[in-house]
Amino acid sequence: MSIAQSQASEKLNFSRSGPRDMHAQQRYARDRGVHWDEGLGGWIVASFDGVRRVMSNPGRFTSEGLPTSEAFGSQAMLVTDSPIHHKLRGAWAEKMSTPGVAQLEAQIETFIKQAFEHEFEALNRGEAADLVPGFWGITSRVISYLMDTPFESAAQFIAVNKILSDGATIPVEKGSPRYQEREAAKAKVFDFLRPIVEERRAALASGEKRTDLISLIAALQDSDGVTEQMVLDNLLNLYLGAFETTALWMGNIAIRIYEDKALNAALRADPALIPNACEEIMRIDSVVQLNMRIVRTDTELDGTKMKAGDRVFVMQGAANRDPAVFEDPERFDIHRHVKLHLGFGFGFHQCLGQFLARLEARLFVKYILHTFPELVFEEKDFGRSWDVNGPHKLVARRPGILQS
């Protein structure tokens, strides 16, 4: 077998126990250009320019009909390319804008302290503590506050989030145990949200002025084609989607700032560097590594012909290390201009909550570095696959502190 034939037969393997690590596979996929992957049954696009072109053109590459819609609801804006997408997104646009989230700074600082209370007490006693529950504690408190729902409810749905988001880009056979598990998880969230939506709609109808995220989208129901299921599907996406990506980003940030001593010292000496450090970590350690689109009509990308209905897998993590865009892309550079990275997607479906996530991340770094200038990690677990990248377990200890 020739080298070319051997490479052509290789498939991406998203298992962390596979023969090649994540970054080696990113380079392999990017170097091959647009190509067909037999394992995934679709086209791979891994260059920065290619990923941007696919994600910014819903007329050629649609989000409708994706496996993600089975996990998170078929009428959510995430998987809708029609004009109603803009109406649904517009309900939350002001609240999720940079000025909108800036008003939350003091509240988020309080939530960070609350979320890590028990873990930090353990660290101060010289014990080891898993930081991951604290990351999820921050994000779940924030979204509960914005939706005006009890934090205790959010905490119980973290497990539901993991059921729905695990392998969400991979098709699941209807009627299979995995499919039934997802449907039961969605039903649990809908049963929680439906009476709240009804209550908020009644309050709005009586003249109350409500600005929580549930009320803002509930106000659209029964107008311009917005149905109850659209409202519920989008709340499901918001409610659950707000947990995971930012929590995993915080985990990747924590690993970088405590294992890179030069970075740690630089951030403590000049906290103004924190925002750019967070962006560079999102670039080099992207949380969302893989996304998917479907070819809407026969088309061509970089000389490769694609047929309507073909799957296209865009590798955002690989694109964020593309040497055609980022000089010395494998090197972490706190001074790099990285606002153009694809960690939050691009184009039509770019992450609505990106400004909120950035604020949460910045405030988290400021607080944890002030509280614990140094930590060492005794255990890191990134889960079974790397299509979504971040620690599921991150056990830390304060160096030089004897257990009391």
Protein backbone atom coordinates (compact mmCIF):
# COMPACT_ATOMS: atom_id res chain seq x y z
CA MET A 1 0.00 0.00 0.00
CA SER A 2 1.38 3.43 -0.94
CA ILE A 3 1.66 6.29 1.53
CA ALA A 4 -1.11 8.12 -0.32
CA GLN A 5 -3.40 5.06 -0.14
CA SER A 6 -2.61 4.58 3.54
CA GLN A 7 -3.48 8.19 4.32
CA ALA A 8 -6.66 8.02 2.24
CA SER A 9 -7.83 5.04 4.29
CA GLU A 10 -7.23 6.72 7.64
CA LYS A 11 -10.25 7.94 9.61
CA LEU A 12 -10.60 10.51 12.33
CA ASN A 13 -10.83 8.90 15.73
CA PHE A 14 -12.38 11.08 18.42
CA SER A 15 -11.54 8.64 21.20
CA ARG A 16 -8.93 9.91 23.64
CA SER A 17 -7.61 6.36 23.82
CA GLY A 18 -6.99 6.28 20.05
CA PRO A 19 -3.57 5.83 18.43
CA ARG A 20 -3.09 9.56 17.73
CA ASP A 21 -3.79 12.51 20.00
CA MET A 22 -6.19 15.32 19.24
CA HIS A 23 -3.64 17.78 17.89
CA ALA A 24 -1.98 15.22 15.62
CA GLN A 25 -5.37 14.45 14.10
CA GLN A 26 -6.12 18.15 13.70
CA ARG A 27 -2.91 18.62 11.72
CA TYR A 28 -3.62 15.52 9.64
CA ALA A 29 -7.14 16.69 8.77
CA ARG A 30 -6.02 20.23 7.99
CA ASP A 31 -3.10 19.12 5.82
CA ARG A 32 -5.36 16.92 3.67
CA GLY A 33 -7.67 19.79 2.76
CA VAL A 34 -11.34 19.08 2.07
CA HIS A 35 -11.72 15.29 2.08
CA TRP A 36 -14.20 12.48 2.69
CA ASP A 37 -14.03 10.55 5.95
CA GLU A 38 -15.49 7.05 5.76
CA GLY A 39 -15.85 6.74 9.51
CA LEU A 40 -18.00 9.85 9.86
CA GLY A 41 -19.63 9.43 6.46
CA GLY A 42 -19.04 13.04 5.50
CA TRP A 43 -16.67 15.72 4.30
CA ILE A 44 -13.99 17.11 6.61
CA VAL A 45 -13.18 20.83 6.48
CA ALA A 46 -10.37 21.84 8.85
CA SER A 47 -8.75 25.00 7.45
CA PHE A 48 -9.61 28.36 8.99
CA ASP A 49 -10.84 29.80 5.72
CA GLY A 50 -12.84 26.69 4.85
CA VAL A 51 -14.56 26.48 8.23
CA ARG A 52 -15.53 30.17 8.07
CA ARG A 53 -16.96 29.78 4.58
CA VAL A 54 -19.08 26.78 5.56
CA MET A 55 -20.36 28.34 8.79
CA SER A 56 -21.17 31.69 7.20
CA ASN A 57 -23.22 30.35 4.28
CA PRO A 58 -26.49 28.70 5.37
CA GLY A 59 -27.71 28.93 1.79
CA ARG A 60 -25.16 26.26 0.80
CA PHE A 61 -24.53 24.51 4.13
CA THR A 62 -27.59 24.23 6.34
CA SER A 63 -27.94 23.54 10.06
CA GLU A 64 -31.44 22.17 9.58
CA GLY A 65 -31.88 18.43 9.96
CA LEU A 66 -28.68 17.94 11.96
CA PRO A 67 -28.35 15.20 14.58
CA THR A 68 -28.05 18.09 17.04
CA SER A 69 -31.74 18.80 16.48
CA GLU A 70 -32.57 15.33 17.80
CA ALA A 71 -30.68 16.09 20.99
CA PHE A 72 -31.68 19.71 21.58
CA GLY A 73 -34.95 20.19 19.72
CA SER A 74 -35.74 20.52 16.01
CA GLN A 75 -37.19 24.03 16.26
CA ALA A 76 -34.37 25.72 18.14
CA MET A 77 -32.59 28.64 16.49
CA LEU A 78 -29.37 26.60 16.57
CA VAL A 79 -30.80 24.34 13.86
CA THR A 80 -33.03 26.85 12.06
CA ASP A 81 -31.85 28.86 9.05
CA SER A 82 -35.20 30.50 8.20
CA PRO A 83 -35.98 34.18 8.91
CA ILE A 84 -37.68 33.15 12.15
CA HIS A 85 -34.15 32.45 13.46
CA HIS A 86 -33.54 36.21 13.62
CA LYS A 87 -36.80 36.86 15.44
CA LEU A 88 -36.04 34.23 18.07
CA ARG A 89 -32.42 35.37 18.47
CA GLY A 90 -33.58 38.98 18.68
CA ALA A 91 -35.57 38.22 21.84
CA TRP A 92 -32.34 37.79 23.77
CA ALA A 93 -29.89 39.89 21.72
CA GLU A 94 -29.93 43.00 23.92
CA LYS A 95 -29.73 41.04 27.15
CA MET A 96 -26.75 39.04 25.82
CA SER A 97 -24.93 42.03 24.30
CA THR A 98 -21.70 43.40 25.77
CA PRO A 99 -23.54 46.28 27.54
CA GLY A 100 -26.26 43.89 28.66
CA VAL A 101 -23.96 41.39 30.35
CA ALA A 102 -21.72 44.13 31.82
CA GLN A 103 -24.54 44.90 34.25
CA LEU A 104 -24.14 41.41 35.72
CA GLU A 105 -20.51 41.78 36.85
CA ALA A 106 -21.13 42.23 40.59
CA GLN A 107 -23.70 39.41 40.64
CA ILE A 108 -21.38 37.02 38.81
CA GLU A 109 -18.56 37.80 41.26
CA THR A 110 -20.91 36.74 44.07
CA PHE A 111 -21.87 33.55 42.23
CA ILE A 112 -18.18 32.63 41.76
CA LYS A 113 -17.54 32.89 45.50
CA GLN A 114 -20.63 30.80 46.25
CA ALA A 115 -19.81 28.16 43.65
CA PHE A 116 -16.33 27.45 45.02
CA GLU A 117 -17.09 27.82 48.74
CA HIS A 118 -16.72 24.14 49.68
CA GLU A 119 -13.84 23.44 47.29
CA PHE A 120 -11.84 26.41 48.54
CA GLU A 121 -12.44 25.46 52.17
CA ALA A 122 -11.01 22.02 51.38
CA LEU A 123 -7.98 23.53 49.62
CA ASN A 124 -7.30 25.79 52.60
CA ARG A 125 -7.32 22.72 54.86
CA GLY A 126 -4.62 21.20 52.69
CA GLU A 127 -7.02 18.73 51.08
CA ALA A 128 -7.44 17.95 47.40
CA ALA A 129 -10.58 19.25 45.69
CA ASP A 130 -12.21 18.74 42.29
CA LEU A 131 -12.73 22.17 40.71
CA VAL A 132 -15.18 21.03 38.02
CA PRO A 133 -18.32 21.24 40.21
CA GLY A 134 -17.36 24.84 40.89
CA PHE A 135 -17.18 25.65 37.17
CA TRP A 136 -20.65 24.19 36.64
CA GLY A 137 -21.82 25.95 39.80
CA ILE A 138 -20.92 29.33 38.31
CA THR A 139 -22.61 28.78 34.97
CA SER A 140 -25.75 27.23 36.43
CA ARG A 141 -26.17 30.07 38.94
CA VAL A 142 -25.79 32.67 36.20
CA ILE A 143 -28.33 31.14 33.82
CA SER A 144 -30.80 30.52 36.67
CA TYR A 145 -30.51 34.18 37.62
CA LEU A 146 -31.10 35.33 34.04
CA MET A 147 -34.08 33.01 33.61
CA ASP A 148 -35.41 33.77 37.11
CA THR A 149 -35.62 30.11 38.06
CA PRO A 150 -34.37 28.41 41.26
CA PHE A 151 -30.69 27.47 41.24
CA GLU A 152 -31.62 24.11 42.75
CA SER A 153 -33.50 23.27 39.56
CA ALA A 154 -30.47 24.03 37.43
CA ALA A 155 -28.27 21.83 39.57
CA GLN A 156 -30.44 18.76 38.96
CA PHE A 157 -30.40 19.33 35.20
CA ILE A 158 -26.61 19.22 34.91
CA ALA A 159 -26.91 15.43 34.55
CA VAL A 160 -29.56 15.95 31.85
CA ASN A 161 -27.20 18.28 30.02
CA LYS A 162 -24.53 15.60 29.89
CA ILE A 163 -27.00 13.08 28.46
CA LEU A 164 -28.08 15.42 25.67
CA SER A 165 -24.72 16.94 24.78
CA ASP A 166 -22.65 13.75 24.77
CA GLY A 167 -22.05 12.99 21.09
CA ALA A 168 -24.80 15.40 20.00
CA THR A 169 -23.31 15.77 16.50
CA ILE A 170 -23.46 12.01 15.86
CA PRO A 171 -26.72 10.51 14.49
CA VAL A 172 -28.61 8.19 16.84
CA GLU A 173 -30.99 5.52 15.56
CA LYS A 174 -34.61 6.20 16.49
CA GLY A 175 -35.91 3.75 19.05
CA SER A 176 -32.42 2.82 20.28
CA PRO A 177 -31.67 2.94 24.02
CA ARG A 178 -29.57 6.08 23.44
CA TYR A 179 -32.43 7.76 21.58
CA GLN A 180 -34.93 6.85 24.30
CA GLU A 181 -32.57 8.17 26.97
CA ARG A 182 -32.34 11.51 25.14
CA GLU A 183 -36.10 11.76 24.67
CA ALA A 184 -36.69 11.10 28.37
CA ALA A 185 -34.12 13.74 29.29
CA LYS A 186 -35.76 16.33 27.02
CA ALA A 187 -39.20 15.51 28.41
CA LYS A 188 -37.90 16.14 31.92
CA VAL A 189 -36.73 19.63 31.00
CA PHE A 190 -39.89 20.43 29.03
CA ASP A 191 -42.03 19.35 31.99
CA PHE A 192 -40.06 21.80 34.13
CA LEU A 193 -40.18 24.69 31.64
CA ARG A 194 -43.75 24.45 30.32
CA PRO A 195 -45.60 25.65 33.44
CA ILE A 196 -43.04 28.43 33.95
CA VAL A 197 -43.62 29.67 30.40
CA GLU A 198 -47.37 29.61 30.98
CA GLU A 199 -46.96 31.55 34.22
CA ARG A 200 -44.73 34.18 32.57
CA ARG A 201 -47.16 34.60 29.64
CA ALA A 202 -50.01 35.14 32.09
CA ALA A 203 -47.96 37.73 33.95
CA LEU A 204 -47.13 39.57 30.72
CA ALA A 205 -50.80 39.47 29.66
CA SER A 206 -51.77 41.11 32.96
CA GLY A 207 -49.44 44.02 32.26
CA GLU A 208 -46.38 43.00 34.26
CA LYS A 209 -43.02 44.14 32.89
CA ARG A 210 -40.72 41.12 32.92
CA THR A 211 -37.18 41.09 31.52
CA ASP A 212 -36.00 37.58 32.41
CA LEU A 213 -34.97 35.39 29.48
CA ILE A 214 -38.02 33.15 29.72
CA SER A 215 -40.42 36.10 29.60
CA LEU A 216 -38.58 37.72 26.69
CA ILE A 217 -39.07 34.71 24.42
CA ALA A 218 -42.46 33.72 25.86
CA ALA A 219 -43.69 37.14 24.75
CA LEU A 220 -43.15 36.05 21.11
CA GLN A 221 -45.36 32.97 21.33
CA ASP A 222 -48.36 32.93 18.96
CA SER A 223 -46.99 35.83 16.91
CA ASP A 224 -45.37 35.71 13.46
CA GLY A 225 -45.34 31.92 13.44
CA VAL A 226 -43.66 31.41 16.83
CA THR A 227 -45.13 28.29 18.42
CA GLU A 228 -45.00 26.91 21.95
CA GLN A 229 -42.59 24.21 20.79
CA MET A 230 -40.23 26.83 19.36
CA VAL A 231 -40.23 28.60 22.70
CA LEU A 232 -39.58 25.38 24.59
CA ASP A 233 -36.87 24.12 22.21
CA ASN A 234 -34.99 27.41 22.45
CA LEU A 235 -35.28 27.54 26.21
CA LEU A 236 -33.97 23.97 26.33
CA ASN A 237 -30.96 25.05 24.26
CA LEU A 238 -30.37 28.13 26.38
CA TYR A 239 -30.94 26.42 29.71
CA LEU A 240 -28.67 23.50 29.04
CA GLY A 241 -26.24 25.06 26.56
CA ALA A 242 -25.33 27.79 29.01
CA PHE A 243 -23.85 25.23 31.40
CA GLU A 244 -21.29 23.24 29.55
CA THR A 245 -19.15 25.24 27.11
CA THR A 246 -18.18 27.94 29.60
CA ALA A 247 -17.56 25.40 32.37
CA LEU A 248 -15.21 23.41 30.12
CA TRP A 249 -13.48 26.63 29.03
CA MET A 250 -12.86 27.50 32.68
CA GLY A 251 -11.27 24.09 33.15
CA ASN A 252 -8.95 24.61 30.20
CA ILE A 253 -8.10 28.07 31.53
CA ALA A 254 -7.30 26.73 35.00
CA ILE A 255 -4.92 24.13 33.58
CA ARG A 256 -3.07 26.74 31.53
CA ILE A 257 -2.74 29.38 34.25
CA TYR A 258 -1.47 26.97 36.89
CA GLU A 259 0.76 24.75 34.75
CA ASP A 260 2.34 27.61 32.76
CA LYS A 261 4.36 29.41 35.43
CA ALA A 262 5.32 32.30 33.16
CA LEU A 263 1.66 32.88 32.27
CA ASN A 264 0.67 32.68 35.93
CA ALA A 265 3.26 35.29 36.90
CA ALA A 266 2.31 37.58 34.00
CA LEU A 267 -1.40 37.55 34.88
CA ARG A 268 -0.78 38.22 38.56
CA ALA A 269 1.58 41.07 37.69
CA ASP A 270 -0.80 42.60 35.13
CA PRO A 271 -4.47 41.54 35.38
CA ALA A 272 -5.18 43.61 32.27
CA LEU A 273 -3.76 40.67 30.33
CA ILE A 274 -6.52 38.33 31.56
CA PRO A 275 -9.03 38.96 28.71
CA ASN A 276 -6.52 38.22 25.96
CA ALA A 277 -5.16 35.20 27.84
CA CYS A 278 -8.69 33.75 27.98
CA GLU A 279 -9.13 34.30 24.23
CA GLU A 280 -5.79 32.66 23.43
CA ILE A 281 -6.75 29.67 25.57
CA MET A 282 -10.04 29.38 23.70
CA ARG A 283 -8.07 29.43 20.46
CA ILE A 284 -5.37 26.93 21.33
CA ASP A 285 -7.53 24.70 23.57
CA SER A 286 -10.89 25.13 21.81
CA VAL A 287 -13.86 23.63 23.64
CA VAL A 288 -16.01 22.87 20.57
CA GLN A 289 -13.74 20.91 18.25
CA LEU A 290 -16.33 19.70 15.76
CA ASN A 291 -19.51 21.03 14.24
CA MET A 292 -21.68 19.82 11.40
CA ARG A 293 -23.64 21.13 8.44
CA ILE A 294 -25.58 19.49 5.60
CA VAL A 295 -25.08 20.44 1.94
CA ARG A 296 -28.31 22.14 0.86
CA THR A 297 -27.81 21.93 -2.93
CA ASP A 298 -25.01 20.51 -5.07
CA THR A 299 -21.99 22.73 -4.55
CA GLU A 300 -18.21 22.91 -4.55
CA LEU A 301 -15.66 23.84 -1.90
CA ASP A 302 -11.97 24.26 -2.72
CA GLY A 303 -12.42 22.29 -5.93
CA THR A 304 -14.24 19.41 -4.20
CA LYS A 305 -17.73 18.65 -5.48
CA MET A 306 -20.38 17.96 -2.85
CA LYS A 307 -23.89 16.65 -3.35
CA ALA A 308 -27.09 17.83 -1.70
CA GLY A 309 -27.61 15.92 1.55
CA ASP A 310 -23.89 15.27 2.16
CA ARG A 311 -22.68 15.84 5.68
CA VAL A 312 -19.92 18.38 6.25
CA PHE A 313 -17.93 18.27 9.48
CA VAL A 314 -16.12 21.51 10.32
CA MET A 315 -13.19 21.21 12.72
CA GLN A 316 -13.07 24.48 14.63
CA GLY A 317 -10.21 23.38 16.85
CA ALA A 318 -8.06 22.50 13.84
CA ALA A 319 -8.96 25.81 12.19
CA ASN A 320 -7.87 27.69 15.30
CA ARG A 321 -4.37 26.23 14.86
CA ASP A 322 -4.13 26.93 11.14
CA PRO A 323 -0.63 28.26 10.32
CA ALA A 324 -2.07 30.13 7.35
CA VAL A 325 -3.75 32.47 9.84
CA PHE A 326 -1.87 32.16 13.14
CA GLU A 327 1.90 32.51 13.24
CA ASP A 328 3.48 29.60 15.12
CA PRO A 329 -0.03 28.32 15.97
CA GLU A 330 1.03 25.56 18.39
CA ARG A 331 2.64 28.14 20.69
CA PHE A 332 0.63 29.84 23.41
CA ASP A 333 1.11 33.62 23.09
CA ILE A 334 -0.58 35.86 25.63
CA HIS A 335 0.01 38.89 23.39
CA ARG A 336 -1.44 37.33 20.24
CA HIS A 337 -4.34 39.15 18.56
CA VAL A 338 -6.89 36.34 18.72
CA LYS A 339 -10.35 37.90 18.53
CA LEU A 340 -10.83 36.26 15.13
CA HIS A 341 -10.67 32.69 16.49
CA LEU A 342 -13.58 30.32 15.85
CA GLY A 343 -14.06 29.10 19.42
CA PHE A 344 -17.56 30.58 19.50
CA GLY A 345 -18.41 29.63 15.94
CA PHE A 346 -18.89 32.05 13.09
CA GLY A 347 -21.61 33.62 11.01
CA PHE A 348 -25.31 32.86 11.15
CA HIS A 349 -25.20 30.67 14.25
CA GLN A 350 -22.32 32.25 16.17
CA CYS A 351 -22.75 31.71 19.91
CA LEU A 352 -25.35 34.12 21.30
CA GLY A 353 -23.91 33.84 24.81
CA GLN A 354 -20.28 34.55 23.93
CA PHE A 355 -20.11 37.92 25.71
CA LEU A 356 -21.59 36.43 28.87
CA ALA A 357 -19.13 33.52 28.70
CA ARG A 358 -16.22 35.93 28.31
CA LEU A 359 -17.28 37.92 31.35
CA GLU A 360 -17.69 34.77 33.45
CA ALA A 361 -14.25 33.52 32.39
CA ARG A 362 -12.48 36.81 33.09
CA LEU A 363 -14.02 37.21 36.52
CA PHE A 364 -13.25 33.58 37.37
CA VAL A 365 -9.55 34.01 36.52
CA LYS A 366 -9.31 37.25 38.49
CA TYR A 367 -10.87 35.63 41.55
CA ILE A 368 -9.09 32.30 41.56
CA LEU A 369 -5.62 33.78 40.97
CA HIS A 370 -6.17 36.26 43.79
CA THR A 371 -7.41 33.53 46.12
CA PHE A 372 -4.89 30.83 45.15
CA PRO A 373 -1.82 32.12 43.30
CA GLU A 374 -0.60 28.53 42.98
CA LEU A 375 -2.33 25.18 42.57
CA VAL A 376 -1.11 21.78 41.42
CA PHE A 377 -3.29 19.18 39.75
CA GLU A 378 -3.32 15.61 40.99
CA GLU A 379 -5.86 14.26 38.51
CA LYS A 380 -7.23 15.38 35.14
CA ASP A 381 -9.96 13.51 33.28
CA PHE A 382 -11.08 14.78 29.87
CA GLY A 383 -13.64 12.06 29.23
CA ARG A 384 -13.77 9.53 26.42
CA SER A 385 -13.80 11.75 23.33
CA TRP A 386 -12.39 15.07 22.21
CA ASP A 387 -15.13 16.42 19.92
CA VAL A 388 -15.94 18.60 22.94
CA ASN A 389 -12.75 19.43 24.80
CA GLY A 390 -12.37 20.24 28.47
CA PRO A 391 -11.85 18.54 31.84
CA HIS A 392 -14.64 16.49 33.37
CA LYS A 393 -12.59 16.16 36.53
CA LEU A 394 -9.79 18.43 37.74
CA VAL A 395 -8.46 17.61 41.18
CA ALA A 396 -6.27 20.35 42.66
CA ARG A 397 -4.24 20.89 45.80
CA ARG A 398 -2.39 23.88 47.24
CA PRO A 399 1.37 23.23 47.20
CA GLY A 400 3.15 23.38 50.52
CA ILE A 401 -0.05 23.27 52.62
CA LEU A 402 -0.17 20.45 55.14
CA GLN A 403 -3.53 18.78 55.62
CA SER A 404 -5.15 19.96 58.85
